[in-house]
Structures are given as C-alpha cells and as structure tokens.
Amino acid sequence: MNLRTPLGDEVLDLRAGDRVTLSGKVYTARDEAHERMRREGIPFDPRGAAVYHCGPVVAGERILAAGPTTSARMNAFTGFLLEAGVRAIIGKGGMSPAVRELLRGRAVYLAFTGGCAVLAASRMRLSGVYYPDLGMAEAVWAIELDHLPLVVGMDAHGADLFAEVGEKAKLQFRRLSKSTEKEPA
C-alpha cells in the first residue's frame, strides 16, 4: 500500500507485517526534540503527521544519511504526540507494550531497517528545520519522502511483530535448552 501524509483513517486498516511505502512530509525527532516538544509545544501540525525517530546527517540542503534510531528510547514521549494527532511513528526495534496500547484505534508504528541510512536518504528531500540550536542529530527536520519502504511493526489493533518474534525466540530457546540438557556429555 502507498501511504501519503497527512495520514488519516487508512492507517487503521493496516496490519502488522504489511509492507507499505510512505510519501509526503515527515518530521524527525529524537530524545531532546521530544522533550522540548512536550515542554514547549509541537512546532508543526501534528494532525495526520508521521514522526521519524532519526538524527539525519545533513550537509547544506542535502540529507546524506537518515537511518532510524532505537525507538524504545522514546516510549515515554509517545503519548502526547498521539494525543495531538500523529498517525505514524517510524523507527527501529519496536516500542513498549504501553505504546502498543496507545496506538490502538489511532496510529501505527512503521519499521525501517537499521543500517540502511543511505537508502533512506535517497528517498528524501530536506524542506525545513525546527530547533536547530539542538544540533544536527537532535533538531526536528522536516523531510519530504518519496516512497520510503516500511513494514508495519505495530498496528492500530494491538498486533506487534516485535513481541511476536520475541515470544517465538523465547520458545525456541526453551526447546533448545531442553534438548541440550538431555544430551549426554
């Protein structure tokens, strides 16, 4: 499915595991930017917005690399963004069960593969910046996306690919541990 910001109710139809592309304006934000937005207010219109957990490498007017940062660091900051109308969070590694519940009925978490920062940048054009005083990695960059490939990691129905994979890994580990215990030394 091809998505375009501002996002609406179409995100409610997505299911964990769906592959999508995203075009339109997104906003980067890491720890310091989240803290500042919570304190001072969101500097962009959050209704239908997508927030990308990313600290891009920017040179002049060009984005050189824009890989995702670990989203779990932003668990505590996600609620106020969703309440303001943000419809998608983009990052890597998933988020907490509490965030999974906050997404219910309103938004999705879209995963982008870590280590693919240059691929991401090839789908981006810089269109502005908020909080430049925070520095390159922590500023909020407004970016125009052109069909960035993503996977729905957490959907608006409570499904969570990261939790499912974690449970499968634990089960497999238990199976392997039991079979190792039975083998003679």
C-alpha atoms as a PDB file:
ATOM      1  CA  MET A   1       0.000   0.000   0.000  1.00  0.00           C
ATOM      2  CA  ASN A   2       1.203   3.508  -0.804  1.00  0.00           C
ATOM      3  CA  LEU A   3       0.613   5.996   2.013  1.00  0.00           C
ATOM      4  CA  ARG A   4       0.892   9.778   1.866  1.00  0.00           C
ATOM      5  CA  THR A   5       0.956  12.307   4.681  1.00  0.00           C
ATOM      6  CA  PRO A   6      -1.102  13.743   6.185  1.00  0.00           C
ATOM      7  CA  LEU A   7      -2.365  10.325   7.175  1.00  0.00           C
ATOM      8  CA  GLY A   8      -5.975   9.577   8.053  1.00  0.00           C
ATOM      9  CA  ASP A   9      -8.075   6.567   8.906  1.00  0.00           C
ATOM     10  CA  GLU A  10      -6.347   4.447   6.233  1.00  0.00           C
ATOM     11  CA  VAL A  11      -3.726   3.579   8.858  1.00  0.00           C
ATOM     12  CA  LEU A  12      -6.441   1.813  10.859  1.00  0.00           C
ATOM     13  CA  ASP A  13      -6.766  -0.754   8.057  1.00  0.00           C
ATOM     14  CA  LEU A  14      -3.084  -1.723   8.198  1.00  0.00           C
ATOM     15  CA  ARG A  15      -1.972  -4.941   9.861  1.00  0.00           C
ATOM     16  CA  ALA A  16       1.338  -5.816  11.475  1.00  0.00           C
ATOM     17  CA  GLY A  17       3.539  -7.305   8.772  1.00  0.00           C
ATOM     18  CA  ASP A  18       2.058  -5.246   5.915  1.00  0.00           C
ATOM     19  CA  ARG A  19       4.612  -3.671   3.610  1.00  0.00           C
ATOM     20  CA  VAL A  20       3.937  -0.053   2.714  1.00  0.00           C
ATOM     21  CA  THR A  21       5.643   2.936   1.159  1.00  0.00           C
ATOM     22  CA  LEU A  22       5.333   6.391   2.653  1.00  0.00           C
ATOM     23  CA  SER A  23       5.493   9.689   0.779  1.00  0.00           C
ATOM     24  CA  GLY A  24       4.911  13.257   1.894  1.00  0.00           C
ATOM     25  CA  LYS A  25       6.244  15.284   4.796  1.00  0.00           C
ATOM     26  CA  VAL A  26       7.640  13.602   7.907  1.00  0.00           C
ATOM     27  CA  TYR A  27       9.407  15.076  10.918  1.00  0.00           C
ATOM     28  CA  THR A  28      12.482  13.636  12.588  1.00  0.00           C
ATOM     29  CA  ALA A  29      12.698  13.619  16.357  1.00  0.00           C
ATOM     30  CA  ARG A  30      14.971  12.037  18.910  1.00  0.00           C
ATOM     31  CA  ASP A  31      15.171  12.321  22.703  1.00  0.00           C
ATOM     32  CA  GLU A  32      15.911  16.037  23.127  1.00  0.00           C
ATOM     33  CA  ALA A  33      13.427  17.104  20.461  1.00  0.00           C
ATOM     34  CA  HIS A  34      10.680  15.029  22.112  1.00  0.00           C
ATOM     35  CA  GLU A  35      11.436  16.577  25.480  1.00  0.00           C
ATOM     36  CA  ARG A  36      11.350  20.087  24.022  1.00  0.00           C
ATOM     37  CA  MET A  37       8.119  19.482  22.114  1.00  0.00           C
ATOM     38  CA  ARG A  38       6.480  18.146  25.256  1.00  0.00           C
ATOM     39  CA  ARG A  39       7.625  21.239  27.164  1.00  0.00           C
ATOM     40  CA  GLU A  40       7.085  23.962  24.536  1.00  0.00           C
ATOM     41  CA  GLY A  41       4.555  22.506  22.112  1.00  0.00           C
ATOM     42  CA  ILE A  42       4.838  20.760  18.770  1.00  0.00           C
ATOM     43  CA  PRO A  43       6.269  23.164  16.139  1.00  0.00           C
ATOM     44  CA  PHE A  44       4.471  21.510  13.200  1.00  0.00           C
ATOM     45  CA  ASP A  45       0.864  20.485  12.629  1.00  0.00           C
ATOM     46  CA  PRO A  46       0.683  17.029  14.221  1.00  0.00           C
ATOM     47  CA  ARG A  47      -2.692  16.071  12.728  1.00  0.00           C
ATOM     48  CA  GLY A  48      -2.018  13.153  10.389  1.00  0.00           C
ATOM     49  CA  ALA A  49       1.731  13.568  10.775  1.00  0.00           C
ATOM     50  CA  ALA A  50       4.461  10.935  10.791  1.00  0.00           C
ATOM     51  CA  VAL A  51       7.376  11.258  13.223  1.00  0.00           C
ATOM     52  CA  TYR A  52      10.622   9.504  12.296  1.00  0.00           C
ATOM     53  CA  HIS A  53      12.979   8.515  15.123  1.00  0.00           C
ATOM     54  CA  CYS A  54      16.087   9.659  13.308  1.00  0.00           C
ATOM     55  CA  GLY A  55      19.020  12.022  13.595  1.00  0.00           C
ATOM     56  CA  PRO A  56      19.935  12.574   9.943  1.00  0.00           C
ATOM     57  CA  VAL A  57      23.316  13.620   8.615  1.00  0.00           C
ATOM     58  CA  VAL A  58      22.700  16.874   6.761  1.00  0.00           C
ATOM     59  CA  ALA A  59      25.182  18.819   4.613  1.00  0.00           C
ATOM     60  CA  GLY A  60      23.845  22.153   3.439  1.00  0.00           C
ATOM     61  CA  GLU A  61      20.493  21.401   1.837  1.00  0.00           C
ATOM     62  CA  ARG A  62      21.201  17.678   1.352  1.00  0.00           C
ATOM     63  CA  ILE A  63      20.433  14.690   3.517  1.00  0.00           C
ATOM     64  CA  LEU A  64      23.391  12.306   3.310  1.00  0.00           C
ATOM     65  CA  ALA A  65      22.160   9.593   5.677  1.00  0.00           C
ATOM     66  CA  ALA A  66      18.946   9.145   7.626  1.00  0.00           C
ATOM     67  CA  GLY A  67      18.787   5.788   9.353  1.00  0.00           C
ATOM     68  CA  PRO A  68      16.402   5.106  12.220  1.00  0.00           C
ATOM     69  CA  THR A  69      17.413   5.323  15.832  1.00  0.00           C
ATOM     70  CA  THR A  70      16.177   2.936  18.522  1.00  0.00           C
ATOM     71  CA  SER A  71      12.541   3.798  19.122  1.00  0.00           C
ATOM     72  CA  ALA A  72      12.277   2.333  22.623  1.00  0.00           C
ATOM     73  CA  ARG A  73      14.151   5.375  23.932  1.00  0.00           C
ATOM     74  CA  MET A  74      11.079   7.450  23.022  1.00  0.00           C
ATOM     75  CA  ASN A  75       8.496   5.230  24.777  1.00  0.00           C
ATOM     76  CA  ALA A  76       7.754   7.810  27.479  1.00  0.00           C
ATOM     77  CA  PHE A  77       7.365  10.619  24.934  1.00  0.00           C
ATOM     78  CA  THR A  78       4.922   8.981  22.537  1.00  0.00           C
ATOM     79  CA  GLY A  79       1.609   9.642  24.277  1.00  0.00           C
ATOM     80  CA  PHE A  80       1.478  13.411  23.811  1.00  0.00           C
ATOM     81  CA  LEU A  81       2.253  13.076  20.088  1.00  0.00           C
ATOM     82  CA  LEU A  82      -0.517  10.540  19.529  1.00  0.00           C
ATOM     83  CA  GLU A  83      -2.957  12.628  21.535  1.00  0.00           C
ATOM     84  CA  ALA A  84      -2.118  15.596  19.282  1.00  0.00           C
ATOM     85  CA  GLY A  85      -2.998  13.569  16.173  1.00  0.00           C
ATOM     86  CA  VAL A  86       0.246  11.962  14.968  1.00  0.00           C
ATOM     87  CA  ARG A  87      -0.784   8.884  12.945  1.00  0.00           C
ATOM     88  CA  ALA A  88       2.561   7.129  12.408  1.00  0.00           C
ATOM     89  CA  ILE A  89       5.797   6.660  14.293  1.00  0.00           C
ATOM     90  CA  ILE A  90       8.767   5.413  12.246  1.00  0.00           C
ATOM     91  CA  GLY A  91      11.849   3.816  13.755  1.00  0.00           C
ATOM     92  CA  LYS A  92      13.636   0.583  14.504  1.00  0.00           C
ATOM     93  CA  GLY A  93      13.347  -2.079  17.146  1.00  0.00           C
ATOM     94  CA  GLY A  94       9.741  -1.599  18.203  1.00  0.00           C
ATOM     95  CA  MET A  95       8.308   0.089  21.257  1.00  0.00           C
ATOM     96  CA  SER A  96       6.840  -0.893  24.614  1.00  0.00           C
ATOM     97  CA  PRO A  97       3.557  -2.678  25.343  1.00  0.00           C
ATOM     98  CA  ALA A  98       2.312   0.656  26.760  1.00  0.00           C
ATOM     99  CA  VAL A  99       2.912   2.336  23.393  1.00  0.00           C
ATOM    100  CA  ARG A 100       1.227  -0.600  21.664  1.00  0.00           C
ATOM    101  CA  GLU A 101      -1.889   0.225  23.691  1.00  0.00           C
ATOM    102  CA  LEU A 102      -1.595   3.956  22.911  1.00  0.00           C
ATOM    103  CA  LEU A 103      -1.545   3.135  19.180  1.00  0.00           C
ATOM    104  CA  ARG A 104      -4.827   1.206  19.448  1.00  0.00           C
ATOM    105  CA  GLY A 105      -7.505   2.739  17.269  1.00  0.00           C
ATOM    106  CA  ARG A 106      -5.412   5.732  16.259  1.00  0.00           C
ATOM    107  CA  ALA A 107      -1.951   5.119  14.779  1.00  0.00           C
ATOM    108  CA  VAL A 108       0.739   2.676  13.643  1.00  0.00           C
ATOM    109  CA  TYR A 109       4.427   2.061  14.216  1.00  0.00           C
ATOM    110  CA  LEU A 110       6.321   1.670  10.944  1.00  0.00           C
ATOM    111  CA  ALA A 111       9.704  -0.042  10.972  1.00  0.00           C
ATOM    112  CA  PHE A 112      12.663   0.821   8.778  1.00  0.00           C
ATOM    113  CA  THR A 113      15.729  -1.406   8.674  1.00  0.00           C
ATOM    114  CA  GLY A 114      18.715  -0.193  10.637  1.00  0.00           C
ATOM    115  CA  GLY A 115      21.912   0.081   8.607  1.00  0.00           C
ATOM    116  CA  CYS A 116      20.113   1.438   5.536  1.00  0.00           C
ATOM    117  CA  ALA A 117      20.673   5.145   6.218  1.00  0.00           C
ATOM    118  CA  VAL A 118      21.869   5.965   2.698  1.00  0.00           C
ATOM    119  CA  LEU A 119      18.910   4.138   1.127  1.00  0.00           C
ATOM    120  CA  ALA A 120      16.567   6.198   3.297  1.00  0.00           C
ATOM    121  CA  ALA A 121      18.336   9.435   2.341  1.00  0.00           C
ATOM    122  CA  SER A 122      17.965   8.592  -1.352  1.00  0.00           C
ATOM    123  CA  ARG A 123      14.177   8.832  -0.831  1.00  0.00           C
ATOM    124  CA  MET A 124      14.308  12.188   0.984  1.00  0.00           C
ATOM    125  CA  ARG A 125      14.464  15.896   0.321  1.00  0.00           C
ATOM    126  CA  LEU A 126      15.030  18.439   3.088  1.00  0.00           C
ATOM    127  CA  SER A 127      12.272  21.024   3.476  1.00  0.00           C
ATOM    128  CA  GLY A 128      12.953  22.748   6.814  1.00  0.00           C
ATOM    129  CA  VAL A 129      14.203  22.540  10.376  1.00  0.00           C
ATOM    130  CA  TYR A 130      12.888  23.312  13.858  1.00  0.00           C
ATOM    131  CA  TYR A 131      15.098  23.664  16.926  1.00  0.00           C
ATOM    132  CA  PRO A 132      18.400  23.960  15.010  1.00  0.00           C
ATOM    133  CA  ASP A 133      20.003  25.010  18.314  1.00  0.00           C
ATOM    134  CA  LEU A 134      19.735  21.362  19.437  1.00  0.00           C
ATOM    135  CA  GLY A 135      22.314  20.360  16.821  1.00  0.00           C
ATOM    136  CA  MET A 136      22.096  18.242  13.712  1.00  0.00           C
ATOM    137  CA  ALA A 137      21.122  14.926  15.317  1.00  0.00           C
ATOM    138  CA  GLU A 138      18.554  16.327  17.765  1.00  0.00           C
ATOM    139  CA  ALA A 139      16.880  19.054  15.666  1.00  0.00           C
ATOM    140  CA  VAL A 140      13.456  18.361  14.166  1.00  0.00           C
ATOM    141  CA  TRP A 141      13.962  18.127  10.405  1.00  0.00           C
ATOM    142  CA  ALA A 142      11.017  18.436   8.024  1.00  0.00           C
ATOM    143  CA  ILE A 143      11.627  15.974   5.206  1.00  0.00           C
ATOM    144  CA  GLU A 144       9.724  15.175   2.029  1.00  0.00           C
ATOM    145  CA  LEU A 145       9.668  11.408   1.471  1.00  0.00           C
ATOM    146  CA  ASP A 146       9.299   9.683  -1.874  1.00  0.00           C
ATOM    147  CA  HIS A 147       8.044   6.119  -1.406  1.00  0.00           C
ATOM    148  CA  LEU A 148      10.170   5.109   1.583  1.00  0.00           C
ATOM    149  CA  PRO A 149       9.685   1.318   2.026  1.00  0.00           C
ATOM    150  CA  LEU A 150       8.484   0.377   5.523  1.00  0.00           C
ATOM    151  CA  VAL A 151       6.902  -2.526   7.401  1.00  0.00           C
ATOM    152  CA  VAL A 152       4.001  -2.135   9.812  1.00  0.00           C
ATOM    153  CA  GLY A 153       5.622  -3.262  13.056  1.00  0.00           C
ATOM    154  CA  MET A 154       2.744  -2.393  15.384  1.00  0.00           C
ATOM    155  CA  ASP A 155      -0.767  -1.827  14.146  1.00  0.00           C
ATOM    156  CA  ALA A 156      -3.813   0.005  15.492  1.00  0.00           C
ATOM    157  CA  HIS A 157      -5.378  -3.328  16.562  1.00  0.00           C
ATOM    158  CA  GLY A 158      -2.750  -4.322  19.132  1.00  0.00           C
ATOM    159  CA  ALA A 159      -0.638  -6.620  16.943  1.00  0.00           C
ATOM    160  CA  ASP A 160       3.117  -6.265  17.441  1.00  0.00           C
ATOM    161  CA  LEU A 161       5.663  -8.006  15.190  1.00  0.00           C
ATOM    162  CA  PHE A 162       8.466  -7.350  17.656  1.00  0.00           C
ATOM    163  CA  ALA A 163       6.607  -9.002  20.552  1.00  0.00           C
ATOM    164  CA  GLU A 164       5.665 -11.965  18.322  1.00  0.00           C
ATOM    165  CA  VAL A 165       9.274 -12.502  17.248  1.00  0.00           C
ATOM    166  CA  GLY A 166      10.421 -12.173  20.875  1.00  0.00           C
ATOM    167  CA  GLU A 167       7.953 -14.832  22.014  1.00  0.00           C
ATOM    168  CA  LYS A 168       8.986 -17.195  19.207  1.00  0.00           C
ATOM    169  CA  ALA A 169      12.650 -16.699  20.114  1.00  0.00           C
ATOM    170  CA  LYS A 170      11.969 -17.473  23.797  1.00  0.00           C
ATOM    171  CA  LEU A 171      10.058 -20.622  22.840  1.00  0.00           C
ATOM    172  CA  GLN A 172      12.851 -21.768  20.537  1.00  0.00           C
ATOM    173  CA  PHE A 173      15.443 -21.041  23.240  1.00  0.00           C
ATOM    174  CA  ARG A 174      13.487 -23.153  25.758  1.00  0.00           C
ATOM    175  CA  ARG A 175      13.248 -26.007  23.233  1.00  0.00           C
ATOM    176  CA  LEU A 176      16.973 -25.870  22.522  1.00  0.00           C
ATOM    177  CA  SER A 177      17.816 -25.671  26.232  1.00  0.00           C
ATOM    178  CA  LYS A 178      15.731 -28.774  26.967  1.00  0.00           C
ATOM    179  CA  SER A 179      17.263 -30.759  24.113  1.00  0.00           C
ATOM    180  CA  THR A 180      20.766 -29.806  25.270  1.00  0.00           C
ATOM    181  CA  GLU A 181      20.004 -30.913  28.814  1.00  0.00           C
ATOM    182  CA  LYS A 182      19.002 -34.393  27.556  1.00  0.00           C
ATOM    183  CA  GLU A 183      22.180 -34.952  25.531  1.00  0.00           C
ATOM    184  CA  PRO A 184      24.899 -36.958  27.329  1.00  0.00           C
ATOM    185  CA  ALA A 185      28.144 -35.125  27.994  1.00  0.00           C
END
